Amino acid sequence: MASGALVLIILLIFILQNLQRVVISFLGWDFEWPLGVAILFAAIAGTLLMALAGGARIWQLRRNATPK
C-alpha cells in the first residue's frame, strides 16, 4: 500500500512539473494535452498492450500444453 502511494505521489509530481500543453496528432485527430498527462496515457497504453500480448502468449502455451 505504501509503495503504491509513493508511486502515485511521484506521478503527480511529474504531471505537475510538465504542464506545458502539446499538440498530439493520432489517426487524423488532434489533441492538446499537458505533456505529463500525454506521457502518462502513453505509458498506460503501452502497459495494456504488453499485458494483452503476454496474456495471449500464456493462453497459447496453456492450449498447447493440454493433452489432446
N, C-alpha and C. Protein backbone atom coordinates (compact mmCIF):
# COMPACT_ATOMS: atom_id res chain seq x y z
N MET A 1 0.82 -1.18 0.00
CA MET A 1 0.00 0.00 0.00
C MET A 1 0.87 1.26 0.00
N ALA A 2 1.92 1.21 0.79
CA ALA A 2 2.80 2.37 0.87
C ALA A 2 3.55 2.60 -0.43
N SER A 3 3.97 1.52 -1.08
CA SER A 3 4.69 1.69 -2.35
C SER A 3 3.76 2.23 -3.43
N GLY A 4 2.50 1.82 -3.42
CA GLY A 4 1.53 2.35 -4.38
C GLY A 4 1.30 3.83 -4.16
N ALA A 5 1.23 4.24 -2.90
CA ALA A 5 1.06 5.66 -2.59
C ALA A 5 2.28 6.46 -3.02
N LEU A 6 3.46 5.90 -2.84
CA LEU A 6 4.69 6.57 -3.27
C LEU A 6 4.73 6.75 -4.78
N VAL A 7 4.36 5.72 -5.52
CA VAL A 7 4.32 5.82 -6.99
C VAL A 7 3.32 6.88 -7.42
N LEU A 8 2.16 6.92 -6.78
CA LEU A 8 1.15 7.92 -7.10
C LEU A 8 1.66 9.33 -6.84
N ILE A 9 2.35 9.55 -5.75
CA ILE A 9 2.91 10.86 -5.44
C ILE A 9 3.94 11.26 -6.48
N ILE A 10 4.79 10.32 -6.87
CA ILE A 10 5.81 10.60 -7.88
C ILE A 10 5.15 10.95 -9.22
N LEU A 11 4.10 10.22 -9.60
CA LEU A 11 3.39 10.53 -10.84
C LEU A 11 2.74 11.90 -10.79
N LEU A 12 2.13 12.25 -9.67
CA LEU A 12 1.52 13.56 -9.54
C LEU A 12 2.55 14.68 -9.63
N ILE A 13 3.70 14.50 -9.02
CA ILE A 13 4.78 15.49 -9.11
C ILE A 13 5.23 15.63 -10.56
N PHE A 14 5.38 14.49 -11.25
CA PHE A 14 5.79 14.52 -12.66
C PHE A 14 4.80 15.30 -13.50
N ILE A 15 3.51 15.02 -13.32
CA ILE A 15 2.48 15.70 -14.11
C ILE A 15 2.47 17.19 -13.79
N LEU A 16 2.57 17.56 -12.52
CA LEU A 16 2.52 18.97 -12.15
C LEU A 16 3.75 19.74 -12.64
N GLN A 17 4.87 19.06 -12.84
CA GLN A 17 6.06 19.74 -13.33
C GLN A 17 6.09 19.83 -14.86
N ASN A 18 5.19 19.12 -15.54
CA ASN A 18 5.16 19.12 -17.01
C ASN A 18 3.78 19.53 -17.50
N LEU A 19 3.42 20.77 -17.22
CA LEU A 19 2.09 21.25 -17.57
C LEU A 19 2.02 21.99 -18.90
N GLN A 20 3.15 22.19 -19.59
CA GLN A 20 3.08 22.88 -20.87
C GLN A 20 2.26 22.04 -21.84
N ARG A 21 1.40 22.69 -22.60
CA ARG A 21 0.48 21.98 -23.49
C ARG A 21 1.19 21.62 -24.79
N VAL A 22 0.92 20.43 -25.28
CA VAL A 22 1.48 19.96 -26.54
C VAL A 22 0.35 19.46 -27.42
N VAL A 23 0.54 19.56 -28.73
CA VAL A 23 -0.45 19.06 -29.69
C VAL A 23 -0.04 17.65 -30.09
N ILE A 24 -0.96 16.73 -29.97
CA ILE A 24 -0.72 15.33 -30.32
C ILE A 24 -1.64 14.98 -31.48
N SER A 25 -1.08 14.48 -32.57
CA SER A 25 -1.87 14.05 -33.73
C SER A 25 -1.83 12.54 -33.80
N PHE A 26 -3.03 11.94 -33.91
CA PHE A 26 -3.13 10.49 -33.98
C PHE A 26 -4.30 10.12 -34.88
N LEU A 27 -4.00 9.46 -35.98
CA LEU A 27 -5.01 8.98 -36.93
C LEU A 27 -5.98 10.08 -37.35
N GLY A 28 -5.47 11.24 -37.64
CA GLY A 28 -6.30 12.33 -38.11
C GLY A 28 -6.92 13.18 -37.00
N TRP A 29 -6.81 12.74 -35.76
CA TRP A 29 -7.32 13.53 -34.63
C TRP A 29 -6.19 14.37 -34.06
N ASP A 30 -6.51 15.54 -33.60
CA ASP A 30 -5.54 16.40 -32.94
C ASP A 30 -6.01 16.68 -31.52
N PHE A 31 -5.14 16.44 -30.56
CA PHE A 31 -5.44 16.67 -29.16
C PHE A 31 -4.44 17.68 -28.62
N GLU A 32 -4.87 18.50 -27.69
CA GLU A 32 -3.94 19.39 -27.00
C GLU A 32 -4.03 19.07 -25.52
N TRP A 33 -2.99 18.43 -25.00
CA TRP A 33 -2.94 17.97 -23.62
C TRP A 33 -1.68 18.48 -22.95
N PRO A 34 -1.69 18.54 -21.63
CA PRO A 34 -0.42 18.78 -20.92
C PRO A 34 0.55 17.63 -21.18
N LEU A 35 1.81 17.94 -21.28
CA LEU A 35 2.83 16.95 -21.61
C LEU A 35 2.84 15.79 -20.63
N GLY A 36 2.75 16.06 -19.34
CA GLY A 36 2.79 15.00 -18.33
C GLY A 36 1.63 14.03 -18.49
N VAL A 37 0.44 14.56 -18.79
CA VAL A 37 -0.74 13.71 -18.98
C VAL A 37 -0.58 12.86 -20.24
N ALA A 38 -0.06 13.45 -21.30
CA ALA A 38 0.13 12.71 -22.55
C ALA A 38 1.12 11.56 -22.36
N ILE A 39 2.21 11.80 -21.65
CA ILE A 39 3.18 10.73 -21.41
C ILE A 39 2.58 9.66 -20.50
N LEU A 40 1.78 10.07 -19.51
CA LEU A 40 1.13 9.11 -18.63
C LEU A 40 0.18 8.20 -19.42
N PHE A 41 -0.64 8.79 -20.31
CA PHE A 41 -1.54 7.98 -21.13
C PHE A 41 -0.78 7.05 -22.07
N ALA A 42 0.35 7.51 -22.61
CA ALA A 42 1.16 6.66 -23.48
C ALA A 42 1.73 5.48 -22.70
N ALA A 43 2.16 5.71 -21.47
CA ALA A 43 2.69 4.63 -20.64
C ALA A 43 1.60 3.63 -20.28
N ILE A 44 0.41 4.12 -19.96
CA ILE A 44 -0.70 3.22 -19.64
C ILE A 44 -1.08 2.40 -20.86
N ALA A 45 -1.15 3.03 -22.03
CA ALA A 45 -1.48 2.30 -23.26
C ALA A 45 -0.43 1.24 -23.57
N GLY A 46 0.85 1.56 -23.39
CA GLY A 46 1.91 0.58 -23.61
C GLY A 46 1.82 -0.59 -22.65
N THR A 47 1.51 -0.30 -21.39
CA THR A 47 1.36 -1.36 -20.40
C THR A 47 0.21 -2.29 -20.75
N LEU A 48 -0.92 -1.71 -21.16
CA LEU A 48 -2.08 -2.53 -21.54
C LEU A 48 -1.79 -3.39 -22.77
N LEU A 49 -1.09 -2.83 -23.74
CA LEU A 49 -0.73 -3.62 -24.93
C LEU A 49 0.20 -4.77 -24.58
N MET A 50 1.17 -4.52 -23.70
CA MET A 50 2.09 -5.59 -23.31
C MET A 50 1.36 -6.66 -22.50
N ALA A 51 0.41 -6.26 -21.65
CA ALA A 51 -0.37 -7.23 -20.89
C ALA A 51 -1.23 -8.08 -21.83
N LEU A 52 -1.78 -7.46 -22.84
CA LEU A 52 -2.59 -8.19 -23.82
C LEU A 52 -1.73 -9.20 -24.59
N ALA A 53 -0.54 -8.78 -25.01
CA ALA A 53 0.35 -9.69 -25.72
C ALA A 53 0.82 -10.83 -24.81
N GLY A 54 1.14 -10.51 -23.56
CA GLY A 54 1.55 -11.54 -22.62
C GLY A 54 0.43 -12.52 -22.32
N GLY A 55 -0.78 -12.01 -22.16
CA GLY A 55 -1.94 -12.88 -21.92
C GLY A 55 -2.21 -13.80 -23.09
N ALA A 56 -2.06 -13.27 -24.31
CA ALA A 56 -2.26 -14.11 -25.49
C ALA A 56 -1.20 -15.21 -25.56
N ARG A 57 0.02 -14.89 -25.19
CA ARG A 57 1.09 -15.89 -25.21
C ARG A 57 0.86 -16.96 -24.14
N ILE A 58 0.43 -16.56 -22.96
CA ILE A 58 0.12 -17.53 -21.90
C ILE A 58 -1.00 -18.45 -22.34
N TRP A 59 -2.04 -17.88 -22.93
CA TRP A 59 -3.16 -18.68 -23.43
C TRP A 59 -2.68 -19.68 -24.48
N GLN A 60 -1.80 -19.23 -25.39
CA GLN A 60 -1.26 -20.10 -26.42
C GLN A 60 -0.46 -21.26 -25.81
N LEU A 61 0.38 -20.96 -24.84
CA LEU A 61 1.20 -22.00 -24.20
C LEU A 61 0.34 -22.99 -23.43
N ARG A 62 -0.68 -22.50 -22.74
CA ARG A 62 -1.57 -23.40 -22.00
C ARG A 62 -2.36 -24.29 -22.94
N ARG A 63 -2.79 -23.75 -24.05
CA ARG A 63 -3.55 -24.52 -25.03
C ARG A 63 -2.69 -25.64 -25.62
N ASN A 64 -1.42 -25.33 -25.89
CA ASN A 64 -0.52 -26.33 -26.44
C ASN A 64 -0.07 -27.36 -25.41
N ALA A 65 -0.11 -27.02 -24.12
CA ALA A 65 0.33 -27.94 -23.07
C ALA A 65 -0.77 -28.92 -22.67
N THR A 66 -1.99 -28.65 -23.02
CA THR A 66 -3.10 -29.54 -22.63
C THR A 66 -3.05 -30.82 -23.48
N PRO A 67 -3.20 -31.96 -22.83
CA PRO A 67 -3.20 -33.21 -23.59
C PRO A 67 -4.41 -33.28 -24.51
N LYS A 68 -4.17 -33.85 -25.67
CA LYS A 68 -5.25 -33.93 -26.67
C LYS A 68 -5.76 -35.33 -26.83
